[in-house]
């Protein structure tokens, strides 16, 4: 189960970042990085990314981190692992339903997800 949660955590992080890179009008900093590495073709599906993929991948990372509790039993690791997906999920949902500009919230959530994923690779 530990291997499956580690893979799901990394898949959730990667999916959230790639989905955010395809949304040029919502997240211009990530979209410019995505266009620089060849992901400019994703702008056609920007609506799908915002409404479906970003929340789906954030939920995947949230579930993977919550299930990871059963293998590592560390409260601080669980809390830090849940903060990032919760911030990304709340940013995506606020953007969808309240039409608010929540790019800073998404960026902080993605940084948390990235930091916890790197921490998980370095200290399994």
PDB file of N, CA and C in Angstrom:
ATOM      1  N   UNK A   1       0.820  -1.192   0.000  1.00  0.00           N
ATOM      2  CA  UNK A   1       0.000   0.000   0.000  1.00  0.00           C
ATOM      3  C   UNK A   1       0.863   1.255   0.000  1.00  0.00           C
ATOM      4  N   UNK A   2       2.038   1.205   0.621  1.00  0.00           N
ATOM      5  CA  UNK A   2       2.906   2.377   0.670  1.00  0.00           C
ATOM      6  C   UNK A   2       3.359   2.774  -0.722  1.00  0.00           C
ATOM      7  N   UNK A   3       3.675   1.796  -1.568  1.00  0.00           N
ATOM      8  CA  UNK A   3       4.111   2.102  -2.924  1.00  0.00           C
ATOM      9  C   UNK A   3       2.977   2.733  -3.726  1.00  0.00           C
ATOM     10  N   UNK A   4       1.766   2.221  -3.579  1.00  0.00           N
ATOM     11  CA  UNK A   4       0.621   2.759  -4.313  1.00  0.00           C
ATOM     12  C   UNK A   4       0.316   4.189  -3.892  1.00  0.00           C
ATOM     13  N   UNK A   5       0.412   4.497  -2.609  1.00  0.00           N
ATOM     14  CA  UNK A   5       0.145   5.860  -2.163  1.00  0.00           C
ATOM     15  C   UNK A   5       1.238   6.813  -2.617  1.00  0.00           C
ATOM     16  N   UNK A   6       2.480   6.347  -2.670  1.00  0.00           N
ATOM     17  CA  UNK A   6       3.566   7.210  -3.162  1.00  0.00           C
ATOM     18  C   UNK A   6       3.369   7.531  -4.637  1.00  0.00           C
ATOM     19  N   UNK A   7       2.971   6.528  -5.429  1.00  0.00           N
ATOM     20  CA  UNK A   7       2.728   6.751  -6.861  1.00  0.00           C
ATOM     21  C   UNK A   7       1.528   7.674  -7.053  1.00  0.00           C
ATOM     22  N   UNK A   8       0.461   7.449  -6.291  1.00  0.00           N
ATOM     23  CA  UNK A   8      -0.729   8.295  -6.417  1.00  0.00           C
ATOM     24  C   UNK A   8      -0.431   9.730  -6.003  1.00  0.00           C
ATOM     25  N   UNK A   9       0.394   9.908  -4.992  1.00  0.00           N
ATOM     26  CA  UNK A   9       0.773  11.250  -4.562  1.00  0.00           C
ATOM     27  C   UNK A   9       1.523  11.980  -5.671  1.00  0.00           C
ATOM     28  N   UNK A  10       2.466  11.302  -6.301  1.00  0.00           N
ATOM     29  CA  UNK A  10       3.236  11.924  -7.386  1.00  0.00           C
ATOM     30  C   UNK A  10       2.354  12.183  -8.604  1.00  0.00           C
ATOM     31  N   UNK A  11       1.421  11.268  -8.891  1.00  0.00           N
ATOM     32  CA  UNK A  11       0.505  11.467 -10.014  1.00  0.00           C
ATOM     33  C   UNK A  11      -0.418  12.652  -9.764  1.00  0.00           C
ATOM     34  N   UNK A  12      -0.880  12.805  -8.539  1.00  0.00           N
ATOM     35  CA  UNK A  12      -1.720  13.948  -8.197  1.00  0.00           C
ATOM     36  C   UNK A  12      -0.980  15.263  -8.342  1.00  0.00           C
ATOM     37  N   UNK A  13       0.268  15.292  -7.895  1.00  0.00           N
ATOM     38  CA  UNK A  13       1.083  16.499  -8.024  1.00  0.00           C
ATOM     39  C   UNK A  13       1.334  16.832  -9.483  1.00  0.00           C
ATOM     40  N   UNK A  14       1.778  15.852 -10.251  1.00  0.00           N
ATOM     41  CA  UNK A  14       2.079  16.088 -11.657  1.00  0.00           C
ATOM     42  C   UNK A  14       0.830  16.503 -12.426  1.00  0.00           C
ATOM     43  N   UNK A  15      -0.274  15.850 -12.178  1.00  0.00           N
ATOM     44  CA  UNK A  15      -1.515  16.201 -12.859  1.00  0.00           C
ATOM     45  C   UNK A  15      -1.989  17.596 -12.521  1.00  0.00           C
ATOM     46  N   UNK A  16      -1.876  17.999 -11.266  1.00  0.00           N
ATOM     47  CA  UNK A  16      -2.279  19.346 -10.874  1.00  0.00           C
ATOM     48  C   UNK A  16      -1.414  20.403 -11.528  1.00  0.00           C
ATOM     49  N   UNK A  17      -0.108  20.158 -11.574  1.00  0.00           N
ATOM     50  CA  UNK A  17       0.795  21.146 -12.173  1.00  0.00           C
ATOM     51  C   UNK A  17       0.568  21.251 -13.676  1.00  0.00           C
ATOM     52  N   UNK A  18       0.457  20.125 -14.376  1.00  0.00           N
ATOM     53  CA  UNK A  18       0.241  20.165 -15.829  1.00  0.00           C
ATOM     54  C   UNK A  18      -1.108  20.798 -16.147  1.00  0.00           C
ATOM     55  N   UNK A  19      -2.130  20.486 -15.350  1.00  0.00           N
ATOM     56  CA  UNK A  19      -3.444  21.091 -15.576  1.00  0.00           C
ATOM     57  C   UNK A  19      -3.388  22.600 -15.380  1.00  0.00           C
ATOM     58  N   UNK A  20      -2.683  23.058 -14.364  1.00  0.00           N
ATOM     59  CA  UNK A  20      -2.567  24.492 -14.128  1.00  0.00           C
ATOM     60  C   UNK A  20      -1.743  25.172 -15.217  1.00  0.00           C
ATOM     61  N   UNK A  21      -0.773  24.466 -15.788  1.00  0.00           N
ATOM     62  CA  UNK A  21       0.031  25.044 -16.866  1.00  0.00           C
ATOM     63  C   UNK A  21      -0.789  25.275 -18.131  1.00  0.00           C
ATOM     64  N   UNK A  22      -1.878  24.562 -18.292  1.00  0.00           N
ATOM     65  CA  UNK A  22      -2.712  24.730 -19.470  1.00  0.00           C
ATOM     66  C   UNK A  22      -3.717  25.850 -19.360  1.00  0.00           C
ATOM     67  N   UNK A  23      -3.820  26.487 -18.224  1.00  0.00           N
ATOM     68  CA  UNK A  23      -4.818  27.535 -17.996  1.00  0.00           C
ATOM     69  C   UNK A  23      -4.170  28.908 -18.044  1.00  0.00           C
ATOM     70  N   UNK A  24      -4.047  29.444 -19.227  1.00  0.00           N
ATOM     71  CA  UNK A  24      -3.329  30.705 -19.408  1.00  0.00           C
ATOM     72  C   UNK A  24      -4.031  31.891 -18.761  1.00  0.00           C
ATOM     73  N   UNK A  25      -5.335  31.964 -18.831  1.00  0.00           N
ATOM     74  CA  UNK A  25      -6.015  33.133 -18.282  1.00  0.00           C
ATOM     75  C   UNK A  25      -6.118  33.068 -16.761  1.00  0.00           C
ATOM     76  N   UNK A  26      -6.106  31.886 -16.196  1.00  0.00           N
ATOM     77  CA  UNK A  26      -6.258  31.747 -14.743  1.00  0.00           C
ATOM     78  C   UNK A  26      -4.922  31.821 -14.004  1.00  0.00           C
ATOM     79  N   UNK A  27      -3.922  31.163 -14.533  1.00  0.00           N
ATOM     80  CA  UNK A  27      -2.626  31.068 -13.865  1.00  0.00           C
ATOM     81  C   UNK A  27      -1.535  31.470 -14.854  1.00  0.00           C
ATOM     82  N   UNK A  28      -1.349  32.769 -15.085  1.00  0.00           N
ATOM     83  CA  UNK A  28      -0.413  33.206 -16.126  1.00  0.00           C
ATOM     84  C   UNK A  28       1.041  32.805 -15.883  1.00  0.00           C
ATOM     85  N   UNK A  29       1.481  32.752 -14.649  1.00  0.00           N
ATOM     86  CA  UNK A  29       2.879  32.379 -14.388  1.00  0.00           C
ATOM     87  C   UNK A  29       3.128  30.929 -14.772  1.00  0.00           C
ATOM     88  N   UNK A  30       2.240  30.028 -14.371  1.00  0.00           N
ATOM     89  CA  UNK A  30       2.401  28.621 -14.736  1.00  0.00           C
ATOM     90  C   UNK A  30       2.145  28.393 -16.215  1.00  0.00           C
ATOM     91  N   UNK A  31       1.215  29.150 -16.799  1.00  0.00           N
ATOM     92  CA  UNK A  31       0.917  28.976 -18.223  1.00  0.00           C
ATOM     93  C   UNK A  31       2.107  29.380 -19.081  1.00  0.00           C
ATOM     94  N   UNK A  32       2.824  30.424 -18.693  1.00  0.00           N
ATOM     95  CA  UNK A  32       3.996  30.815 -19.479  1.00  0.00           C
ATOM     96  C   UNK A  32       5.095  29.761 -19.375  1.00  0.00           C
ATOM     97  N   UNK A  33       5.240  29.159 -18.208  1.00  0.00           N
ATOM     98  CA  UNK A  33       6.197  28.066 -18.051  1.00  0.00           C
ATOM     99  C   UNK A  33       5.761  26.868 -18.892  1.00  0.00           C
ATOM    100  N   UNK A  34       4.469  26.562 -18.881  1.00  0.00           N
ATOM    101  CA  UNK A  34       3.952  25.455 -19.688  1.00  0.00           C
ATOM    102  C   UNK A  34       4.147  25.693 -21.172  1.00  0.00           C
ATOM    103  N   UNK A  35       3.919  26.920 -21.636  1.00  0.00           N
ATOM    104  CA  UNK A  35       4.121  27.231 -23.051  1.00  0.00           C
ATOM    105  C   UNK A  35       5.600  27.139 -23.422  1.00  0.00           C
ATOM    106  N   UNK A  36       6.470  27.500 -22.490  1.00  0.00           N
ATOM    107  CA  UNK A  36       7.908  27.434 -22.765  1.00  0.00           C
ATOM    108  C   UNK A  36       8.402  26.005 -22.932  1.00  0.00           C
ATOM    109  N   UNK A  37       7.754  25.055 -22.257  1.00  0.00           N
ATOM    110  CA  UNK A  37       8.193  23.669 -22.398  1.00  0.00           C
ATOM    111  C   UNK A  37       7.331  22.882 -23.381  1.00  0.00           C
ATOM    112  N   UNK A  38       6.476  23.581 -24.133  1.00  0.00           N
ATOM    113  CA  UNK A  38       5.734  22.935 -25.205  1.00  0.00           C
ATOM    114  C   UNK A  38       4.330  22.507 -24.874  1.00  0.00           C
ATOM    115  N   UNK A  39       3.761  23.035 -23.810  1.00  0.00           N
ATOM    116  CA  UNK A  39       2.398  22.661 -23.445  1.00  0.00           C
ATOM    117  C   UNK A  39       1.369  23.716 -23.860  1.00  0.00           C
ATOM    118  N   UNK A  40       1.722  24.566 -24.809  1.00  0.00           N
ATOM    119  CA  UNK A  40       0.808  25.613 -25.259  1.00  0.00           C
ATOM    120  C   UNK A  40      -0.451  25.078 -25.918  1.00  0.00           C
ATOM    121  N   UNK A  41      -0.383  23.874 -26.466  1.00  0.00           N
ATOM    122  CA  UNK A  41      -1.553  23.291 -27.112  1.00  0.00           C
ATOM    123  C   UNK A  41      -2.663  22.962 -26.115  1.00  0.00           C
ATOM    124  N   UNK A  42      -2.363  22.962 -24.823  1.00  0.00           N
ATOM    125  CA  UNK A  42      -3.361  22.625 -23.812  1.00  0.00           C
ATOM    126  C   UNK A  42      -4.369  23.740 -23.549  1.00  0.00           C
ATOM    127  N   UNK A  43      -4.132  24.939 -24.077  1.00  0.00           N
ATOM    128  CA  UNK A  43      -5.049  26.051 -23.807  1.00  0.00           C
ATOM    129  C   UNK A  43      -6.436  25.806 -24.387  1.00  0.00           C
ATOM    130  N   UNK A  44      -6.552  24.919 -25.354  1.00  0.00           N
ATOM    131  CA  UNK A  44      -7.871  24.614 -25.917  1.00  0.00           C
ATOM    132  C   UNK A  44      -8.783  23.969 -24.884  1.00  0.00           C
ATOM    133  N   UNK A  45      -8.220  23.265 -23.937  1.00  0.00           N
ATOM    134  CA  UNK A  45      -9.014  22.544 -22.950  1.00  0.00           C
ATOM    135  C   UNK A  45      -8.964  23.214 -21.581  1.00  0.00           C
ATOM    136  N   UNK A  46      -8.823  24.521 -21.571  1.00  0.00           N
ATOM    137  CA  UNK A  46      -8.688  25.253 -20.314  1.00  0.00           C
ATOM    138  C   UNK A  46      -9.905  25.058 -19.400  1.00  0.00           C
ATOM    139  N   UNK A  47     -11.088  25.094 -19.953  1.00  0.00           N
ATOM    140  CA  UNK A  47     -12.299  24.910 -19.145  1.00  0.00           C
ATOM    141  C   UNK A  47     -12.349  23.540 -18.493  1.00  0.00           C
ATOM    142  N   UNK A  48     -11.954  22.522 -19.227  1.00  0.00           N
ATOM    143  CA  UNK A  48     -11.925  21.162 -18.687  1.00  0.00           C
ATOM    144  C   UNK A  48     -10.920  21.053 -17.539  1.00  0.00           C
ATOM    145  N   UNK A  49      -9.779  21.708 -17.677  1.00  0.00           N
ATOM    146  CA  UNK A  49      -8.768  21.667 -16.624  1.00  0.00           C
ATOM    147  C   UNK A  49      -9.291  22.286 -15.335  1.00  0.00           C
ATOM    148  N   UNK A  50      -9.914  23.460 -15.453  1.00  0.00           N
ATOM    149  CA  UNK A  50     -10.387  24.172 -14.266  1.00  0.00           C
ATOM    150  C   UNK A  50     -11.537  23.436 -13.600  1.00  0.00           C
ATOM    151  N   UNK A  51     -12.494  22.968 -14.389  1.00  0.00           N
ATOM    152  CA  UNK A  51     -13.689  22.381 -13.802  1.00  0.00           C
ATOM    153  C   UNK A  51     -13.518  20.934 -13.390  1.00  0.00           C
ATOM    154  N   UNK A  52     -12.618  20.201 -14.031  1.00  0.00           N
ATOM    155  CA  UNK A  52     -12.550  18.771 -13.784  1.00  0.00           C
ATOM    156  C   UNK A  52     -11.177  18.286 -13.341  1.00  0.00           C
ATOM    157  N   UNK A  53     -10.144  18.543 -14.119  1.00  0.00           N
ATOM    158  CA  UNK A  53      -8.859  17.895 -13.878  1.00  0.00           C
ATOM    159  C   UNK A  53      -8.129  18.382 -12.632  1.00  0.00           C
ATOM    160  N   UNK A  54      -8.075  19.683 -12.412  1.00  0.00           N
ATOM    161  CA  UNK A  54      -7.371  20.177 -11.222  1.00  0.00           C
ATOM    162  C   UNK A  54      -8.033  19.662  -9.943  1.00  0.00           C
ATOM    163  N   UNK A  55      -9.377  19.750  -9.800  1.00  0.00           N
ATOM    164  CA  UNK A  55      -9.975  19.164  -8.592  1.00  0.00           C
ATOM    165  C   UNK A  55      -9.804  17.648  -8.513  1.00  0.00           C
ATOM    166  N   UNK A  56      -9.848  16.956  -9.643  1.00  0.00           N
ATOM    167  CA  UNK A  56      -9.689  15.503  -9.638  1.00  0.00           C
ATOM    168  C   UNK A  56      -8.290  15.097  -9.176  1.00  0.00           C
ATOM    169  N   UNK A  57      -7.264  15.743  -9.709  1.00  0.00           N
ATOM    170  CA  UNK A  57      -5.901  15.415  -9.302  1.00  0.00           C
ATOM    171  C   UNK A  57      -5.619  15.859  -7.861  1.00  0.00           C
ATOM    172  N   UNK A  58      -6.221  16.956  -7.435  1.00  0.00           N
ATOM    173  CA  UNK A  58      -6.057  17.371  -6.039  1.00  0.00           C
ATOM    174  C   UNK A  58      -6.717  16.357  -5.104  1.00  0.00           C
ATOM    175  N   UNK A  59      -7.878  15.829  -5.497  1.00  0.00           N
ATOM    176  CA  UNK A  59      -8.524  14.787  -4.698  1.00  0.00           C
ATOM    177  C   UNK A  59      -7.687  13.514  -4.667  1.00  0.00           C
ATOM    178  N   UNK A  60      -7.060  13.173  -5.792  1.00  0.00           N
ATOM    179  CA  UNK A  60      -6.190  12.001  -5.839  1.00  0.00           C
ATOM    180  C   UNK A  60      -5.006  12.165  -4.879  1.00  0.00           C
ATOM    181  N   UNK A  61      -4.379  13.327  -4.904  1.00  0.00           N
ATOM    182  CA  UNK A  61      -3.255  13.579  -3.997  1.00  0.00           C
ATOM    183  C   UNK A  61      -3.722  13.623  -2.544  1.00  0.00           C
ATOM    184  N   UNK A  62      -4.911  14.175  -2.305  1.00  0.00           N
ATOM    185  CA  UNK A  62      -5.468  14.221  -0.960  1.00  0.00           C
ATOM    186  C   UNK A  62      -5.721  12.806  -0.428  1.00  0.00           C
ATOM    187  N   UNK A  63      -6.313  11.964  -1.264  1.00  0.00           N
ATOM    188  CA  UNK A  63      -6.576  10.580  -0.854  1.00  0.00           C
ATOM    189  C   UNK A  63      -5.276   9.809  -0.640  1.00  0.00           C
ATOM    190  N   UNK A  64      -4.298  10.029  -1.501  1.00  0.00           N
ATOM    191  CA  UNK A  64      -3.018   9.328  -1.359  1.00  0.00           C
ATOM    192  C   UNK A  64      -2.313   9.729  -0.070  1.00  0.00           C
ATOM    193  N   UNK A  65      -2.346  11.011   0.255  1.00  0.00           N
ATOM    194  CA  UNK A  65      -1.713  11.455   1.499  1.00  0.00           C
ATOM    195  C   UNK A  65      -2.482  10.973   2.723  1.00  0.00           C
ATOM    196  N   UNK A  66      -3.802  10.938   2.634  1.00  0.00           N
ATOM    197  CA  UNK A  66      -4.598  10.438   3.759  1.00  0.00           C
ATOM    198  C   UNK A  66      -4.362   8.941   3.958  1.00  0.00           C
ATOM    199  N   UNK A  67      -4.292   8.185   2.876  1.00  0.00           N
ATOM    200  CA  UNK A  67      -4.023   6.753   2.989  1.00  0.00           C
ATOM    201  C   UNK A  67      -2.578   6.480   3.409  1.00  0.00           C
ATOM    202  N   UNK A  68      -1.687   7.413   3.106  1.00  0.00           N
ATOM    203  CA  UNK A  68      -0.298   7.264   3.525  1.00  0.00           C
ATOM    204  C   UNK A  68      -0.133   7.266   5.035  1.00  0.00           C
ATOM    205  N   UNK A  69      -1.133   7.786   5.736  1.00  0.00           N
ATOM    206  CA  UNK A  69      -1.107   7.797   7.193  1.00  0.00           C
ATOM    207  C   UNK A  69      -0.978   6.375   7.742  1.00  0.00           C
ATOM    208  N   UNK A  70      -1.607   5.413   7.066  1.00  0.00           N
ATOM    209  CA  UNK A  70      -1.586   4.043   7.566  1.00  0.00           C
ATOM    210  C   UNK A  70      -0.205   3.408   7.476  1.00  0.00           C
ATOM    211  N   UNK A  71       0.652   3.935   6.612  1.00  0.00           N
ATOM    212  CA  UNK A  71       1.984   3.352   6.501  1.00  0.00           C
ATOM    213  C   UNK A  71       3.032   4.090   7.327  1.00  0.00           C
ATOM    214  N   UNK A  72       2.911   5.416   7.485  1.00  0.00           N
ATOM    215  CA  UNK A  72       3.974   6.134   8.202  1.00  0.00           C
ATOM    216  C   UNK A  72       3.575   6.609   9.592  1.00  0.00           C
ATOM    217  N   UNK A  73       2.296   6.794   9.887  1.00  0.00           N
ATOM    218  CA  UNK A  73       1.798   7.171  11.219  1.00  0.00           C
ATOM    219  C   UNK A  73       2.495   8.391  11.812  1.00  0.00           C
ATOM    220  N   UNK A  74       2.759   9.382  10.984  1.00  0.00           N
ATOM    221  CA  UNK A  74       3.377  10.623  11.450  1.00  0.00           C
ATOM    222  C   UNK A  74       2.388  11.760  11.231  1.00  0.00           C
ATOM    223  N   UNK A  75       1.982  12.380  12.326  1.00  0.00           N
ATOM    224  CA  UNK A  75       0.948  13.411  12.250  1.00  0.00           C
ATOM    225  C   UNK A  75       1.436  14.621  11.465  1.00  0.00           C
ATOM    226  N   UNK A  76       2.660  15.072  11.708  1.00  0.00           N
ATOM    227  CA  UNK A  76       3.159  16.250  11.009  1.00  0.00           C
ATOM    228  C   UNK A  76       3.262  16.000   9.503  1.00  0.00           C
ATOM    229  N   UNK A  77       3.614  14.810   9.125  1.00  0.00           N
ATOM    230  CA  UNK A  77       3.692  14.471   7.693  1.00  0.00           C
ATOM    231  C   UNK A  77       2.299  14.421   7.073  1.00  0.00           C
ATOM    232  N   UNK A  78       1.332  13.905   7.817  1.00  0.00           N
ATOM    233  CA  UNK A  78      -0.046  13.865   7.338  1.00  0.00           C
ATOM    234  C   UNK A  78      -0.600  15.271   7.150  1.00  0.00           C
ATOM    235  N   UNK A  79      -0.401  16.135   8.134  1.00  0.00           N
ATOM    236  CA  UNK A  79      -0.932  17.499   8.060  1.00  0.00           C
ATOM    237  C   UNK A  79      -0.298  18.260   6.902  1.00  0.00           C
ATOM    238  N   UNK A  80       1.033  18.189   6.774  1.00  0.00           N
ATOM    239  CA  UNK A  80       1.700  18.875   5.672  1.00  0.00           C
ATOM    240  C   UNK A  80       1.298  18.290   4.322  1.00  0.00           C
ATOM    241  N   UNK A  81       1.053  16.989   4.276  1.00  0.00           N
ATOM    242  CA  UNK A  81       0.624  16.353   3.039  1.00  0.00           C
ATOM    243  C   UNK A  81      -0.790  16.708   2.639  1.00  0.00           C
ATOM    244  N   UNK A  82      -1.628  17.056   3.604  1.00  0.00           N
ATOM    245  CA  UNK A  82      -3.012  17.412   3.301  1.00  0.00           C
ATOM    246  C   UNK A  82      -3.200  18.892   3.002  1.00  0.00           C
ATOM    247  N   UNK A  83      -2.300  19.735   3.472  1.00  0.00           N
ATOM    248  CA  UNK A  83      -2.440  21.179   3.262  1.00  0.00           C
ATOM    249  C   UNK A  83      -2.410  21.525   1.773  1.00  0.00           C
ATOM    250  N   UNK A  84      -1.437  21.001   1.045  1.00  0.00           N
ATOM    251  CA  UNK A  84      -1.295  21.332  -0.371  1.00  0.00           C
ATOM    252  C   UNK A  84      -2.505  20.963  -1.217  1.00  0.00           C
ATOM    253  N   UNK A  85      -2.947  19.697  -1.191  1.00  0.00           N
ATOM    254  CA  UNK A  85      -4.133  19.347  -1.974  1.00  0.00           C
ATOM    255  C   UNK A  85      -5.388  20.103  -1.551  1.00  0.00           C
ATOM    256  N   UNK A  86      -5.521  20.378  -0.254  1.00  0.00           N
ATOM    257  CA  UNK A  86      -6.691  21.140   0.192  1.00  0.00           C
ATOM    258  C   UNK A  86      -6.662  22.567  -0.345  1.00  0.00           C
ATOM    259  N   UNK A  87      -5.485  23.189  -0.376  1.00  0.00           N
ATOM    260  CA  UNK A  87      -5.373  24.541  -0.937  1.00  0.00           C
ATOM    261  C   UNK A  87      -5.663  24.545  -2.434  1.00  0.00           C
ATOM    262  N   UNK A  88      -5.117  23.554  -3.157  1.00  0.00           N
ATOM    263  CA  UNK A  88      -5.364  23.470  -4.598  1.00  0.00           C
ATOM    264  C   UNK A  88      -6.837  23.216  -4.872  1.00  0.00           C
ATOM    265  N   UNK A  89      -7.441  22.327  -4.121  1.00  0.00           N
ATOM    266  CA  UNK A  89      -8.854  22.017  -4.297  1.00  0.00           C
ATOM    267  C   UNK A  89      -9.725  23.225  -3.978  1.00  0.00           C
ATOM    268  N   UNK A  90      -9.415  23.928  -2.901  1.00  0.00           N
ATOM    269  CA  UNK A  90     -10.200  25.116  -2.563  1.00  0.00           C
ATOM    270  C   UNK A  90     -10.014  26.217  -3.598  1.00  0.00           C
ATOM    271  N   UNK A  91      -8.806  26.386  -4.139  1.00  0.00           N
ATOM    272  CA  UNK A  91      -8.587  27.391  -5.181  1.00  0.00           C
ATOM    273  C   UNK A  91      -9.382  27.057  -6.433  1.00  0.00           C
ATOM    274  N   UNK A  92      -9.383  25.795  -6.827  1.00  0.00           N
ATOM    275  CA  UNK A  92     -10.121  25.397  -8.027  1.00  0.00           C
ATOM    276  C   UNK A  92     -11.622  25.548  -7.828  1.00  0.00           C
ATOM    277  N   UNK A  93     -12.106  25.184  -6.661  1.00  0.00           N
ATOM    278  CA  UNK A  93     -13.540  25.299  -6.415  1.00  0.00           C
ATOM    279  C   UNK A  93     -13.977  26.747  -6.253  1.00  0.00           C
ATOM    280  N   UNK A  94     -13.158  27.574  -5.600  1.00  0.00           N
ATOM    281  CA  UNK A  94     -13.485  29.000  -5.499  1.00  0.00           C
ATOM    282  C   UNK A  94     -13.488  29.665  -6.870  1.00  0.00           C
ATOM    283  N   UNK A  95     -12.568  29.250  -7.714  1.00  0.00           N
ATOM    284  CA  UNK A  95     -12.518  29.822  -9.050  1.00  0.00           C
ATOM    285  C   UNK A  95     -13.743  29.412  -9.865  1.00  0.00           C
ATOM    286  N   UNK A  96     -14.168  28.173  -9.672  1.00  0.00           N
ATOM    287  CA  UNK A  96     -15.292  27.668 -10.459  1.00  0.00           C
ATOM    288  C   UNK A  96     -16.625  28.244  -9.995  1.00  0.00           C
ATOM    289  N   UNK A  97     -16.862  28.259  -8.683  1.00  0.00           N
ATOM    290  CA  UNK A  97     -18.177  28.646  -8.194  1.00  0.00           C
ATOM    291  C   UNK A  97     -18.281  30.106  -7.792  1.00  0.00           C
ATOM    292  N   UNK A  98     -17.223  30.701  -7.272  1.00  0.00           N
ATOM    293  CA  UNK A  98     -17.282  32.090  -6.828  1.00  0.00           C
ATOM    294  C   UNK A  98     -16.658  33.042  -7.839  1.00  0.00           C
ATOM    295  N   UNK A  99     -16.007  32.503  -8.858  1.00  0.00           N
ATOM    296  CA  UNK A  99     -15.351  33.295  -9.910  1.00  0.00           C
ATOM    297  C   UNK A  99     -14.367  34.300  -9.324  1.00  0.00           C
ATOM    298  N   UNK A 100     -13.594  33.838  -8.367  1.00  0.00           N
ATOM    299  CA  UNK A 100     -12.582  34.674  -7.738  1.00  0.00           C
ATOM    300  C   UNK A 100     -11.217  34.372  -8.323  1.00  0.00           C
ATOM    301  N   UNK A 101     -10.348  35.352  -8.337  1.00  0.00           N
ATOM    302  CA  UNK A 101      -8.974  35.137  -8.765  1.00  0.00           C
ATOM    303  C   UNK A 101      -8.176  34.524  -7.625  1.00  0.00           C
ATOM    304  N   UNK A 102      -7.972  33.243  -7.664  1.00  0.00           N
ATOM    305  CA  UNK A 102      -7.326  32.546  -6.553  1.00  0.00           C
ATOM    306  C   UNK A 102      -5.983  31.957  -6.957  1.00  0.00           C
ATOM    307  N   UNK A 103      -5.298  32.583  -7.885  1.00  0.00           N
ATOM    308  CA  UNK A 103      -4.010  32.062  -8.342  1.00  0.00           C
ATOM    309  C   UNK A 103      -2.990  31.963  -7.210  1.00  0.00           C
ATOM    310  N   UNK A 104      -2.865  32.946  -6.309  1.00  0.00           N
ATOM    311  CA  UNK A 104      -1.877  32.794  -5.220  1.00  0.00           C
ATOM    312  C   UNK A 104      -2.172  31.587  -4.325  1.00  0.00           C
ATOM    313  N   UNK A 105      -3.437  31.319  -4.078  1.00  0.00           N
ATOM    314  CA  UNK A 105      -3.810  30.163  -3.271  1.00  0.00           C
ATOM    315  C   UNK A 105      -3.401  28.868  -3.969  1.00  0.00           C
ATOM    316  N   UNK A 106      -3.598  28.812  -5.269  1.00  0.00           N
ATOM    317  CA  UNK A 106      -3.201  27.634  -6.027  1.00  0.00           C
ATOM    318  C   UNK A 106      -1.684  27.471  -6.016  1.00  0.00           C
ATOM    319  N   UNK A 107      -0.957  28.559  -6.202  1.00  0.00           N
ATOM    320  CA  UNK A 107       0.503  28.482  -6.223  1.00  0.00           C
ATOM    321  C   UNK A 107       1.051  27.975  -4.887  1.00  0.00           C
ATOM    322  N   UNK A 108       0.513  28.468  -3.788  1.00  0.00           N
ATOM    323  CA  UNK A 108       0.960  28.016  -2.466  1.00  0.00           C
ATOM    324  C   UNK A 108       0.643  26.536  -2.291  1.00  0.00           C
ATOM    325  N   UNK A 109      -0.535  26.113  -2.732  1.00  0.00           N
ATOM    326  CA  UNK A 109      -0.898  24.705  -2.640  1.00  0.00           C
ATOM    327  C   UNK A 109       0.015  23.815  -3.462  1.00  0.00           C
ATOM    328  N   UNK A 110       0.348  24.250  -4.676  1.00  0.00           N
ATOM    329  CA  UNK A 110       1.253  23.470  -5.518  1.00  0.00           C
ATOM    330  C   UNK A 110       2.655  23.401  -4.929  1.00  0.00           C
ATOM    331  N   UNK A 111       3.105  24.479  -4.313  1.00  0.00           N
ATOM    332  CA  UNK A 111       4.425  24.467  -3.666  1.00  0.00           C
ATOM    333  C   UNK A 111       4.416  23.494  -2.488  1.00  0.00           C
ATOM    334  N   UNK A 112       3.337  23.500  -1.695  1.00  0.00           N
ATOM    335  CA  UNK A 112       3.231  22.533  -0.610  1.00  0.00           C
ATOM    336  C   UNK A 112       3.242  21.106  -1.138  1.00  0.00           C
ATOM    337  N   UNK A 113       2.490  20.843  -2.207  1.00  0.00           N
ATOM    338  CA  UNK A 113       2.444  19.496  -2.774  1.00  0.00           C
ATOM    339  C   UNK A 113       3.818  19.074  -3.279  1.00  0.00           C
ATOM    340  N   UNK A 114       4.515  19.993  -3.937  1.00  0.00           N
ATOM    341  CA  UNK A 114       5.847  19.698  -4.443  1.00  0.00           C
ATOM    342  C   UNK A 114       6.827  19.440  -3.302  1.00  0.00           C
ATOM    343  N   UNK A 115       6.764  20.257  -2.268  1.00  0.00           N
ATOM    344  CA  UNK A 115       7.684  20.090  -1.135  1.00  0.00           C
ATOM    345  C   UNK A 115       7.456  18.763  -0.428  1.00  0.00           C
ATOM    346  N   UNK A 116       6.211  18.390  -0.221  1.00  0.00           N
ATOM    347  CA  UNK A 116       5.925  17.126   0.453  1.00  0.00           C
ATOM    348  C   UNK A 116       6.326  15.947  -0.432  1.00  0.00           C
ATOM    349  N   UNK A 117       6.144  16.075  -1.742  1.00  0.00           N
ATOM    350  CA  UNK A 117       6.556  14.991  -2.644  1.00  0.00           C
ATOM    351  C   UNK A 117       8.066  14.821  -2.644  1.00  0.00           C
ATOM    352  N   UNK A 118       8.800  15.922  -2.647  1.00  0.00           N
ATOM    353  CA  UNK A 118      10.266  15.834  -2.583  1.00  0.00           C
ATOM    354  C   UNK A 118      10.684  15.252  -1.234  1.00  0.00           C
ATOM    355  N   UNK A 119      10.023  15.685  -0.172  1.00  0.00           N
ATOM    356  CA  UNK A 119      10.324  15.151   1.148  1.00  0.00           C
ATOM    357  C   UNK A 119      10.053  13.643   1.188  1.00  0.00           C
ATOM    358  N   UNK A 120       8.982  13.208   0.534  1.00  0.00           N
ATOM    359  CA  UNK A 120       8.645  11.792   0.498  1.00  0.00           C
ATOM    360  C   UNK A 120       9.687  10.990  -0.295  1.00  0.00           C
ATOM    361  N   UNK A 121      10.261  11.591  -1.324  1.00  0.00           N
ATOM    362  CA  UNK A 121      11.317  10.914  -2.092  1.00  0.00           C
ATOM    363  C   UNK A 121      12.618  10.828  -1.299  1.00  0.00           C
ATOM    364  N   UNK A 122      12.939  11.910  -0.583  1.00  0.00           N
ATOM    365  CA  UNK A 122      14.208  11.952   0.155  1.00  0.00           C
ATOM    366  C   UNK A 122      14.132  11.130   1.425  1.00  0.00           C
ATOM    367  N   UNK A 123      13.006  11.192   2.111  1.00  0.00           N
ATOM    368  CA  UNK A 123      12.861  10.496   3.406  1.00  0.00           C
ATOM    369  C   UNK A 123      11.625   9.608   3.374  1.00  0.00           C
ATOM    370  N   UNK A 124      11.697   8.450   2.757  1.00  0.00           N
ATOM    371  CA  UNK A 124      10.500   7.599   2.642  1.00  0.00           C
ATOM    372  C   UNK A 124      10.034   7.047   3.925  1.00  0.00           C
TER     373      UNK A 124
END
